[in-house]
N, C-alpha and C. Protein backbone atom coordinates (compact mmCIF):
# COMPACT_ATOMS: atom_id res chain seq x y z
N THR A 1 0.85 -1.17 0.00
CA THR A 1 0.00 0.00 0.00
C THR A 1 0.89 1.23 0.00
N ILE A 2 0.62 2.12 -0.91
CA ILE A 2 1.34 3.38 -0.99
C ILE A 2 0.31 4.50 -0.92
N TRP A 3 0.57 5.45 -0.06
CA TRP A 3 -0.35 6.58 0.11
C TRP A 3 0.23 7.78 -0.64
N ILE A 4 -0.62 8.44 -1.38
CA ILE A 4 -0.21 9.64 -2.11
C ILE A 4 -1.14 10.77 -1.69
N LYS A 5 -0.53 11.89 -1.36
CA LYS A 5 -1.32 13.05 -0.96
C LYS A 5 -1.41 13.99 -2.16
N ALA A 6 -2.64 14.27 -2.57
CA ALA A 6 -2.86 15.14 -3.73
C ALA A 6 -3.06 16.58 -3.26
N LYS A 7 -2.79 17.50 -4.18
CA LYS A 7 -2.92 18.93 -3.88
C LYS A 7 -4.38 19.30 -3.61
N ASP A 8 -5.29 18.76 -4.44
CA ASP A 8 -6.71 19.04 -4.28
C ASP A 8 -7.51 17.88 -4.86
N ALA A 9 -8.83 17.97 -4.81
CA ALA A 9 -9.70 16.88 -5.27
C ALA A 9 -9.55 16.64 -6.77
N ALA A 10 -9.38 17.69 -7.53
CA ALA A 10 -9.23 17.52 -8.99
C ALA A 10 -7.94 16.78 -9.31
N ALA A 11 -6.87 17.08 -8.56
CA ALA A 11 -5.60 16.40 -8.79
C ALA A 11 -5.70 14.93 -8.41
N SER A 12 -6.44 14.63 -7.34
CA SER A 12 -6.57 13.22 -6.94
C SER A 12 -7.34 12.42 -7.97
N GLU A 13 -8.30 13.03 -8.64
CA GLU A 13 -9.04 12.33 -9.70
C GLU A 13 -8.15 12.03 -10.91
N ARG A 14 -7.21 12.92 -11.21
CA ARG A 14 -6.28 12.71 -12.34
C ARG A 14 -5.17 11.73 -12.00
N LEU A 15 -4.71 11.75 -10.74
CA LEU A 15 -3.57 10.93 -10.34
C LEU A 15 -3.84 9.43 -10.43
N GLY A 16 -5.02 9.00 -10.03
CA GLY A 16 -5.35 7.58 -10.02
C GLY A 16 -5.16 6.91 -11.36
N PRO A 17 -5.83 7.38 -12.40
CA PRO A 17 -5.64 6.76 -13.72
C PRO A 17 -4.22 6.90 -14.25
N MET A 18 -3.53 7.99 -13.93
CA MET A 18 -2.15 8.16 -14.40
C MET A 18 -1.23 7.11 -13.78
N ILE A 19 -1.38 6.89 -12.47
CA ILE A 19 -0.53 5.90 -11.78
C ILE A 19 -0.85 4.50 -12.30
N ASP A 20 -2.11 4.19 -12.45
CA ASP A 20 -2.50 2.87 -12.96
C ASP A 20 -1.97 2.65 -14.38
N ALA A 21 -1.96 3.69 -15.21
CA ALA A 21 -1.45 3.58 -16.58
C ALA A 21 0.06 3.32 -16.57
N LEU A 22 0.81 3.91 -15.63
CA LEU A 22 2.25 3.69 -15.55
C LEU A 22 2.61 2.23 -15.27
N PHE A 23 1.79 1.56 -14.47
CA PHE A 23 2.10 0.19 -14.06
C PHE A 23 1.20 -0.84 -14.74
N GLU A 24 0.53 -0.44 -15.80
CA GLU A 24 -0.45 -1.31 -16.45
C GLU A 24 0.16 -2.61 -16.98
N ASN A 25 1.30 -2.56 -17.64
CA ASN A 25 1.91 -3.75 -18.23
C ASN A 25 3.04 -4.32 -17.38
N SER A 26 3.17 -3.88 -16.16
CA SER A 26 4.24 -4.39 -15.29
C SER A 26 3.77 -5.69 -14.62
N PRO A 27 4.70 -6.43 -14.03
CA PRO A 27 4.28 -7.65 -13.32
C PRO A 27 3.41 -7.35 -12.09
N TYR A 28 3.44 -6.09 -11.66
CA TYR A 28 2.66 -5.70 -10.48
C TYR A 28 1.76 -4.50 -10.81
N PRO A 29 0.67 -4.73 -11.52
CA PRO A 29 -0.21 -3.60 -11.84
C PRO A 29 -0.83 -3.03 -10.57
N THR A 30 -1.16 -1.77 -10.60
CA THR A 30 -1.72 -1.11 -9.42
C THR A 30 -3.23 -0.93 -9.56
N LYS A 31 -3.82 -0.70 -8.40
CA LYS A 31 -5.25 -0.36 -8.35
C LYS A 31 -5.33 0.87 -7.45
N THR A 32 -5.40 2.02 -8.04
CA THR A 32 -5.41 3.26 -7.28
C THR A 32 -6.85 3.64 -6.96
N GLU A 33 -7.08 3.98 -5.68
CA GLU A 33 -8.41 4.37 -5.24
C GLU A 33 -8.29 5.40 -4.12
N THR A 34 -9.37 6.08 -3.87
CA THR A 34 -9.37 7.09 -2.81
C THR A 34 -9.33 6.41 -1.45
N GLU A 35 -8.99 7.17 -0.45
CA GLU A 35 -8.94 6.62 0.91
C GLU A 35 -10.33 6.14 1.35
N ASN A 36 -11.35 6.90 0.96
CA ASN A 36 -12.71 6.53 1.31
C ASN A 36 -13.10 5.20 0.66
N ALA A 37 -12.76 5.02 -0.61
CA ALA A 37 -13.06 3.76 -1.31
C ALA A 37 -12.28 2.61 -0.68
N PHE A 38 -11.02 2.86 -0.29
CA PHE A 38 -10.22 1.83 0.36
C PHE A 38 -10.85 1.41 1.68
N ARG A 39 -11.27 2.39 2.49
CA ARG A 39 -11.90 2.11 3.78
C ARG A 39 -13.19 1.33 3.59
N ASN A 40 -14.01 1.73 2.61
CA ASN A 40 -15.26 1.01 2.34
C ASN A 40 -14.99 -0.43 1.91
N GLY A 41 -13.93 -0.63 1.13
CA GLY A 41 -13.56 -1.98 0.72
C GLY A 41 -13.15 -2.83 1.91
N MET A 42 -12.42 -2.25 2.84
CA MET A 42 -12.00 -2.99 4.03
C MET A 42 -13.21 -3.35 4.89
N VAL A 43 -14.13 -2.41 5.04
CA VAL A 43 -15.33 -2.68 5.84
C VAL A 43 -16.19 -3.74 5.18
N SER A 44 -16.28 -3.71 3.84
CA SER A 44 -17.10 -4.71 3.16
C SER A 44 -16.54 -6.11 3.32
N MET A 45 -15.24 -6.23 3.55
CA MET A 45 -14.65 -7.55 3.78
C MET A 45 -15.04 -8.12 5.14
N LEU A 46 -15.47 -7.27 6.04
CA LEU A 46 -15.90 -7.75 7.35
C LEU A 46 -17.24 -8.46 7.29
N GLY A 47 -17.98 -8.26 6.25
CA GLY A 47 -19.31 -8.87 6.14
C GLY A 47 -20.38 -7.82 6.35
N ASN A 48 -21.53 -8.27 6.75
CA ASN A 48 -22.66 -7.38 6.94
C ASN A 48 -22.57 -6.72 8.31
N VAL A 49 -21.80 -5.64 8.41
CA VAL A 49 -21.57 -4.96 9.67
C VAL A 49 -22.87 -4.35 10.20
N LYS A 50 -23.69 -3.83 9.32
CA LYS A 50 -24.95 -3.21 9.74
C LYS A 50 -25.84 -4.24 10.44
N LEU A 51 -25.94 -5.45 9.87
CA LEU A 51 -26.74 -6.51 10.49
C LEU A 51 -26.15 -6.90 11.83
N LEU A 52 -24.83 -7.00 11.90
CA LEU A 52 -24.17 -7.36 13.15
C LEU A 52 -24.45 -6.34 14.24
N LEU A 53 -24.28 -5.06 13.92
CA LEU A 53 -24.51 -4.00 14.92
C LEU A 53 -25.98 -3.92 15.32
N THR A 54 -26.88 -4.10 14.34
CA THR A 54 -28.31 -4.09 14.64
C THR A 54 -28.67 -5.26 15.56
N SER A 55 -28.10 -6.42 15.29
CA SER A 55 -28.36 -7.60 16.13
C SER A 55 -27.86 -7.39 17.55
N ILE A 56 -26.67 -6.85 17.68
CA ILE A 56 -26.13 -6.58 19.02
C ILE A 56 -27.00 -5.57 19.76
N GLY A 57 -27.43 -4.52 19.05
CA GLY A 57 -28.32 -3.53 19.67
C GLY A 57 -29.64 -4.14 20.11
N ALA A 58 -30.21 -5.02 19.28
CA ALA A 58 -31.49 -5.67 19.62
C ALA A 58 -31.32 -6.57 20.85
N ILE A 59 -30.20 -7.27 20.92
CA ILE A 59 -29.95 -8.13 22.09
C ILE A 59 -29.82 -7.29 23.35
N ILE A 60 -29.13 -6.15 23.25
CA ILE A 60 -28.97 -5.27 24.40
C ILE A 60 -30.32 -4.73 24.86
N VAL A 61 -31.16 -4.32 23.92
CA VAL A 61 -32.49 -3.81 24.28
C VAL A 61 -33.32 -4.92 24.93
N ALA A 62 -33.23 -6.15 24.42
CA ALA A 62 -33.97 -7.27 25.01
C ALA A 62 -33.51 -7.55 26.43
N VAL A 63 -32.19 -7.49 26.67
CA VAL A 63 -31.68 -7.73 28.02
C VAL A 63 -32.14 -6.61 28.95
N ILE A 64 -32.09 -5.37 28.48
CA ILE A 64 -32.56 -4.25 29.31
C ILE A 64 -34.04 -4.41 29.63
N LEU A 65 -34.82 -4.87 28.66
CA LEU A 65 -36.25 -5.11 28.88
C LEU A 65 -36.45 -6.18 29.94
N LEU A 66 -35.68 -7.25 29.90
CA LEU A 66 -35.81 -8.30 30.92
C LEU A 66 -35.44 -7.78 32.31
N ILE A 67 -34.37 -7.00 32.37
CA ILE A 67 -33.96 -6.44 33.67
C ILE A 67 -35.01 -5.48 34.21
N ALA A 68 -35.52 -4.61 33.34
CA ALA A 68 -36.56 -3.66 33.78
C ALA A 68 -37.83 -4.40 34.18
N GLY A 69 -38.20 -5.44 33.44
CA GLY A 69 -39.39 -6.22 33.79
C GLY A 69 -39.24 -6.89 35.15
N ASN A 70 -38.06 -7.44 35.41
CA ASN A 70 -37.80 -8.06 36.71
C ASN A 70 -37.85 -7.02 37.83
N THR A 71 -37.28 -5.85 37.57
CA THR A 71 -37.30 -4.78 38.58
C THR A 71 -38.73 -4.36 38.90
N MET A 72 -39.54 -4.19 37.88
CA MET A 72 -40.93 -3.77 38.12
C MET A 72 -41.74 -4.87 38.78
N ALA A 73 -41.48 -6.13 38.44
CA ALA A 73 -42.18 -7.24 39.09
C ALA A 73 -41.85 -7.28 40.58
N MET A 74 -40.57 -7.06 40.92
CA MET A 74 -40.18 -7.05 42.33
C MET A 74 -40.79 -5.86 43.06
N ALA A 75 -40.82 -4.70 42.41
CA ALA A 75 -41.40 -3.51 43.04
C ALA A 75 -42.89 -3.72 43.30
N ALA A 76 -43.60 -4.31 42.35
CA ALA A 76 -45.04 -4.55 42.54
C ALA A 76 -45.26 -5.62 43.61
N ARG A 77 -44.42 -6.63 43.63
CA ARG A 77 -44.54 -7.71 44.61
C ARG A 77 -44.33 -7.18 46.02
N GLU A 78 -43.41 -6.24 46.19
CA GLU A 78 -43.14 -5.68 47.51
C GLU A 78 -44.29 -4.80 48.01
N ARG A 79 -45.15 -4.35 47.13
CA ARG A 79 -46.22 -3.43 47.50
C ARG A 79 -47.62 -4.06 47.44
N ILE A 80 -47.68 -5.36 47.50
CA ILE A 80 -48.99 -6.03 47.39
C ILE A 80 -49.94 -5.52 48.47
N THR A 81 -49.46 -5.44 49.71
CA THR A 81 -50.32 -4.99 50.81
C THR A 81 -50.71 -3.53 50.62
N GLU A 82 -49.78 -2.69 50.19
CA GLU A 82 -50.08 -1.27 49.97
C GLU A 82 -51.15 -1.10 48.88
N ILE A 83 -51.03 -1.89 47.83
CA ILE A 83 -52.01 -1.80 46.75
C ILE A 83 -53.37 -2.27 47.23
N ALA A 84 -53.38 -3.31 48.09
CA ALA A 84 -54.66 -3.77 48.65
C ALA A 84 -55.29 -2.68 49.53
N VAL A 85 -54.47 -1.95 50.27
CA VAL A 85 -54.99 -0.84 51.09
C VAL A 85 -55.57 0.25 50.19
N PHE A 86 -54.87 0.56 49.09
CA PHE A 86 -55.40 1.54 48.13
C PHE A 86 -56.77 1.09 47.62
N ARG A 87 -56.88 -0.19 47.28
CA ARG A 87 -58.15 -0.71 46.76
C ARG A 87 -59.22 -0.62 47.85
N THR A 88 -58.85 -0.87 49.12
CA THR A 88 -59.79 -0.77 50.23
C THR A 88 -60.27 0.67 50.39
N LEU A 89 -59.38 1.61 50.14
CA LEU A 89 -59.74 3.03 50.27
C LEU A 89 -60.58 3.53 49.10
N GLY A 90 -60.79 2.69 48.09
CA GLY A 90 -61.67 3.08 47.00
C GLY A 90 -60.99 3.33 45.66
N PHE A 91 -59.71 3.09 45.57
CA PHE A 91 -59.02 3.26 44.28
C PHE A 91 -59.54 2.20 43.30
N GLN A 92 -59.81 2.63 42.09
CA GLN A 92 -60.30 1.71 41.06
C GLN A 92 -59.15 0.87 40.51
N LYS A 93 -59.51 -0.26 39.89
CA LYS A 93 -58.48 -1.11 39.27
C LYS A 93 -57.71 -0.34 38.20
N SER A 94 -58.42 0.51 37.47
CA SER A 94 -57.76 1.28 36.41
C SER A 94 -56.75 2.26 36.99
N THR A 95 -57.04 2.80 38.17
CA THR A 95 -56.11 3.72 38.82
C THR A 95 -54.85 2.98 39.27
N ILE A 96 -55.04 1.81 39.85
CA ILE A 96 -53.90 0.99 40.28
C ILE A 96 -53.04 0.63 39.06
N LEU A 97 -53.70 0.23 37.98
CA LEU A 97 -53.00 -0.10 36.74
C LEU A 97 -52.18 1.10 36.26
N ALA A 98 -52.81 2.28 36.27
CA ALA A 98 -52.12 3.49 35.81
C ALA A 98 -50.96 3.85 36.73
N LEU A 99 -51.12 3.67 38.04
CA LEU A 99 -50.03 4.01 38.96
C LEU A 99 -48.81 3.12 38.76
N VAL A 100 -49.03 1.81 38.67
CA VAL A 100 -47.90 0.89 38.51
C VAL A 100 -47.25 1.08 37.14
N LEU A 101 -48.08 1.22 36.11
CA LEU A 101 -47.55 1.42 34.76
C LEU A 101 -46.84 2.77 34.66
N GLY A 102 -47.41 3.79 35.30
CA GLY A 102 -46.78 5.12 35.30
C GLY A 102 -45.43 5.10 36.00
N GLU A 103 -45.33 4.36 37.09
CA GLU A 103 -44.04 4.25 37.78
C GLU A 103 -43.00 3.60 36.87
N SER A 104 -43.40 2.57 36.18
CA SER A 104 -42.49 1.88 35.28
C SER A 104 -42.00 2.80 34.17
N VAL A 105 -42.92 3.54 33.55
CA VAL A 105 -42.56 4.45 32.47
C VAL A 105 -41.68 5.59 33.01
N LEU A 106 -42.00 6.08 34.19
CA LEU A 106 -41.21 7.16 34.78
C LEU A 106 -39.77 6.72 35.07
N ILE A 107 -39.60 5.52 35.60
CA ILE A 107 -38.26 5.00 35.87
C ILE A 107 -37.50 4.82 34.56
N ALA A 108 -38.18 4.27 33.55
CA ALA A 108 -37.52 4.06 32.25
C ALA A 108 -37.16 5.39 31.60
N LEU A 109 -38.04 6.38 31.71
CA LEU A 109 -37.75 7.70 31.15
C LEU A 109 -36.58 8.36 31.87
N ALA A 110 -36.52 8.21 33.18
CA ALA A 110 -35.40 8.79 33.92
C ALA A 110 -34.09 8.15 33.48
N GLY A 111 -34.08 6.83 33.34
CA GLY A 111 -32.87 6.14 32.87
C GLY A 111 -32.52 6.52 31.45
N GLY A 112 -33.54 6.59 30.57
CA GLY A 112 -33.30 6.97 29.18
C GLY A 112 -32.78 8.39 29.05
N ALA A 113 -33.38 9.32 29.81
CA ALA A 113 -32.94 10.72 29.77
C ALA A 113 -31.51 10.85 30.29
N PHE A 114 -31.20 10.13 31.36
CA PHE A 114 -29.83 10.15 31.89
C PHE A 114 -28.84 9.62 30.85
N GLY A 115 -29.19 8.53 30.20
CA GLY A 115 -28.32 7.95 29.18
C GLY A 115 -28.11 8.88 28.00
N ILE A 116 -29.20 9.51 27.55
CA ILE A 116 -29.10 10.44 26.42
C ILE A 116 -28.24 11.64 26.79
N LEU A 117 -28.47 12.21 27.96
CA LEU A 117 -27.68 13.37 28.40
C LEU A 117 -26.21 12.99 28.57
N LEU A 118 -25.95 11.81 29.10
CA LEU A 118 -24.56 11.36 29.25
C LEU A 118 -23.89 11.20 27.89
N PHE A 119 -24.62 10.65 26.92
CA PHE A 119 -24.06 10.48 25.58
C PHE A 119 -23.78 11.83 24.93
N VAL A 120 -24.72 12.75 25.02
CA VAL A 120 -24.55 14.08 24.40
C VAL A 120 -23.38 14.81 25.06
N ALA A 121 -23.22 14.64 26.38
CA ALA A 121 -22.12 15.31 27.07
C ALA A 121 -20.77 14.66 26.74
N ALA A 122 -20.73 13.35 26.57
CA ALA A 122 -19.47 12.64 26.34
C ALA A 122 -19.04 12.63 24.88
N GLU A 123 -19.96 12.88 23.96
CA GLU A 123 -19.66 12.78 22.52
C GLU A 123 -18.51 13.68 22.08
N PRO A 124 -18.43 14.96 22.48
CA PRO A 124 -17.29 15.78 22.04
C PRO A 124 -15.94 15.24 22.54
N PHE A 125 -15.90 14.78 23.77
CA PHE A 125 -14.66 14.21 24.32
C PHE A 125 -14.28 12.95 23.55
N LEU A 126 -15.22 12.09 23.30
CA LEU A 126 -14.97 10.86 22.55
C LEU A 126 -14.46 11.18 21.15
N LYS A 127 -15.08 12.16 20.52
CA LYS A 127 -14.66 12.54 19.17
C LYS A 127 -13.24 13.09 19.17
N ARG A 128 -12.90 13.94 20.16
CA ARG A 128 -11.55 14.48 20.26
C ARG A 128 -10.52 13.37 20.44
N GLN A 129 -10.83 12.40 21.28
CA GLN A 129 -9.89 11.30 21.51
C GLN A 129 -9.72 10.44 20.27
N LEU A 130 -10.80 10.19 19.55
CA LEU A 130 -10.71 9.41 18.32
C LEU A 130 -9.95 10.15 17.22
N MET A 131 -10.03 11.47 17.23
CA MET A 131 -9.30 12.25 16.23
C MET A 131 -7.78 12.11 16.39
N LEU A 132 -7.33 11.75 17.58
CA LEU A 132 -5.90 11.56 17.84
C LEU A 132 -5.43 10.15 17.51
N SER A 133 -6.36 9.30 17.12
CA SER A 133 -6.04 7.90 16.85
C SER A 133 -6.01 7.64 15.34
N PRO A 134 -5.63 6.43 14.94
CA PRO A 134 -5.68 6.10 13.50
C PRO A 134 -7.10 6.12 12.93
N MET A 135 -8.10 6.20 13.78
CA MET A 135 -9.49 6.22 13.32
C MET A 135 -9.98 7.64 13.08
N SER A 136 -9.08 8.58 12.89
CA SER A 136 -9.47 9.99 12.77
C SER A 136 -10.39 10.24 11.58
N SER A 137 -10.22 9.49 10.50
CA SER A 137 -11.10 9.73 9.35
C SER A 137 -12.54 9.31 9.66
N ILE A 138 -12.70 8.28 10.48
CA ILE A 138 -14.05 7.86 10.89
C ILE A 138 -14.58 8.83 11.94
N ALA A 139 -13.71 9.26 12.86
CA ALA A 139 -14.13 10.15 13.94
C ALA A 139 -14.63 11.49 13.40
N ALA A 140 -14.09 11.92 12.27
CA ALA A 140 -14.51 13.21 11.72
C ALA A 140 -15.98 13.20 11.31
N THR A 141 -16.53 12.02 11.05
CA THR A 141 -17.93 11.94 10.61
C THR A 141 -18.90 11.70 11.76
N ILE A 142 -18.39 11.48 12.96
CA ILE A 142 -19.27 11.21 14.11
C ILE A 142 -19.97 12.49 14.53
N ARG A 143 -21.27 12.38 14.71
CA ARG A 143 -22.05 13.50 15.26
C ARG A 143 -23.32 12.94 15.89
N VAL A 144 -23.98 13.75 16.69
CA VAL A 144 -25.21 13.34 17.35
C VAL A 144 -26.37 13.60 16.40
N TYR A 145 -27.03 12.52 16.01
CA TYR A 145 -28.18 12.64 15.11
C TYR A 145 -29.47 12.73 15.93
N PRO A 146 -30.32 13.71 15.65
CA PRO A 146 -31.58 13.83 16.39
C PRO A 146 -32.46 12.58 16.25
N GLU A 147 -32.37 11.91 15.10
CA GLU A 147 -33.18 10.71 14.90
C GLU A 147 -32.78 9.60 15.89
N VAL A 148 -31.48 9.51 16.17
CA VAL A 148 -30.99 8.50 17.10
C VAL A 148 -31.46 8.83 18.51
N LEU A 149 -31.41 10.10 18.88
CA LEU A 149 -31.87 10.50 20.21
C LEU A 149 -33.37 10.26 20.36
N THR A 150 -34.13 10.52 19.30
CA THR A 150 -35.58 10.27 19.32
C THR A 150 -35.85 8.78 19.46
N LEU A 151 -35.11 7.97 18.73
CA LEU A 151 -35.27 6.52 18.84
C LEU A 151 -34.93 6.04 20.24
N ALA A 152 -33.88 6.57 20.84
CA ALA A 152 -33.50 6.18 22.20
C ALA A 152 -34.60 6.55 23.18
N PHE A 153 -35.17 7.73 23.02
CA PHE A 153 -36.27 8.16 23.89
C PHE A 153 -37.48 7.24 23.71
N ALA A 154 -37.82 6.92 22.46
CA ALA A 154 -38.95 6.03 22.19
C ALA A 154 -38.71 4.63 22.75
N LEU A 155 -37.47 4.15 22.65
CA LEU A 155 -37.14 2.85 23.23
C LEU A 155 -37.29 2.87 24.75
N ALA A 156 -36.91 3.95 25.38
CA ALA A 156 -37.06 4.06 26.83
C ALA A 156 -38.54 3.99 27.22
N VAL A 157 -39.39 4.71 26.49
CA VAL A 157 -40.83 4.67 26.77
C VAL A 157 -41.37 3.27 26.52
N GLY A 158 -40.98 2.66 25.41
CA GLY A 158 -41.44 1.31 25.09
C GLY A 158 -41.02 0.29 26.13
N ILE A 159 -39.77 0.39 26.58
CA ILE A 159 -39.29 -0.53 27.62
C ILE A 159 -40.07 -0.31 28.90
N GLY A 160 -40.35 0.94 29.25
CA GLY A 160 -41.13 1.22 30.45
C GLY A 160 -42.52 0.63 30.39
N VAL A 161 -43.17 0.76 29.24
CA VAL A 161 -44.53 0.22 29.08
C VAL A 161 -44.50 -1.31 29.12
N LEU A 162 -43.60 -1.90 28.35
CA LEU A 162 -43.55 -3.37 28.30
C LEU A 162 -43.12 -3.98 29.64
N ALA A 163 -42.16 -3.34 30.32
CA ALA A 163 -41.69 -3.88 31.59
C ALA A 163 -42.75 -3.76 32.68
N GLY A 164 -43.58 -2.75 32.61
CA GLY A 164 -44.57 -2.54 33.66
C GLY A 164 -45.93 -3.12 33.37
N LEU A 165 -46.15 -3.60 32.16
CA LEU A 165 -47.48 -4.07 31.77
C LEU A 165 -47.96 -5.26 32.60
N VAL A 166 -47.17 -6.31 32.68
CA VAL A 166 -47.58 -7.51 33.42
C VAL A 166 -47.71 -7.23 34.92
N PRO A 167 -46.73 -6.58 35.57
CA PRO A 167 -46.92 -6.27 36.99
C PRO A 167 -48.13 -5.36 37.24
N ALA A 168 -48.39 -4.42 36.34
CA ALA A 168 -49.53 -3.52 36.53
C ALA A 168 -50.85 -4.28 36.42
N VAL A 169 -50.97 -5.15 35.45
CA VAL A 169 -52.20 -5.93 35.28
C VAL A 169 -52.40 -6.86 36.48
N ARG A 170 -51.33 -7.50 36.92
CA ARG A 170 -51.44 -8.41 38.06
C ARG A 170 -51.80 -7.65 39.34
N SER A 171 -51.22 -6.47 39.52
CA SER A 171 -51.52 -5.67 40.71
C SER A 171 -52.96 -5.20 40.71
N ALA A 172 -53.44 -4.80 39.54
CA ALA A 172 -54.81 -4.29 39.45
C ALA A 172 -55.85 -5.40 39.59
N SER A 173 -55.50 -6.61 39.16
CA SER A 173 -56.50 -7.68 39.17
C SER A 173 -56.48 -8.50 40.46
N ARG A 174 -55.48 -8.32 41.32
CA ARG A 174 -55.41 -9.09 42.57
C ARG A 174 -56.55 -8.64 43.50
N SER A 175 -57.17 -9.59 44.15
CA SER A 175 -58.29 -9.25 45.04
C SER A 175 -57.77 -8.56 46.30
N ILE A 176 -58.63 -7.78 46.91
CA ILE A 176 -58.25 -7.03 48.11
C ILE A 176 -57.89 -7.99 49.24
N VAL A 177 -58.66 -9.05 49.40
CA VAL A 177 -58.44 -10.00 50.48
C VAL A 177 -57.08 -10.69 50.32
N ASP A 178 -56.77 -11.11 49.10
CA ASP A 178 -55.47 -11.75 48.87
C ASP A 178 -54.33 -10.79 49.14
N GLY A 179 -54.51 -9.53 48.79
CA GLY A 179 -53.47 -8.53 49.00
C GLY A 179 -53.26 -8.25 50.49
N LEU A 180 -54.35 -8.23 51.27
CA LEU A 180 -54.21 -7.96 52.70
C LEU A 180 -53.65 -9.17 53.45
N ARG A 181 -53.84 -10.36 52.93
CA ARG A 181 -53.30 -11.58 53.55
C ARG A 181 -51.80 -11.73 53.31
N GLN A 182 -51.33 -11.07 52.28
CA GLN A 182 -49.93 -11.22 51.89
C GLN A 182 -49.03 -10.74 53.03
N VAL A 183 -48.02 -11.54 53.35
CA VAL A 183 -47.06 -11.18 54.38
C VAL A 183 -45.69 -11.09 53.75
N GLY A 184 -44.96 -10.03 54.03
CA GLY A 184 -43.59 -9.94 53.53
C GLY A 184 -43.47 -8.84 52.59
């Protein structure tokens, strides 16, 4: 691999074919390409990177959903007696459902907002550090996309709803007598 630095973009477009023409009939013909084309060729040799990263992201979201679901199930289980007292005081099943589900969504939103704020705050530092490494050409393209932040926020809400749905339904449908008998 030989790197050539061109004066400008027009010169780099002329240099490639000129260099290839010089070595066309030699035992070692060249294939001149831009740095961007070279990088894309290297990435394409890795396989379907987009599928790999999407799969890893989906697995992470599924694990977070399981952890959040377990957390909400434990929180609802610890409050069985309190929920029964609420029902005794006249709270409707729909209100209990909304309270438990609302708690789940609120916790997920707090975690999602913290994560988003941490990412936005750390991104300039991360970019500066990557610019000092051999990955500087990739680091130059890194930026915070509003679509990604919106997706992260939507995932936080979705995880909150899904994690709290089963505990909320179970809490709302449990009878008052069973809830008051619960010990622990």
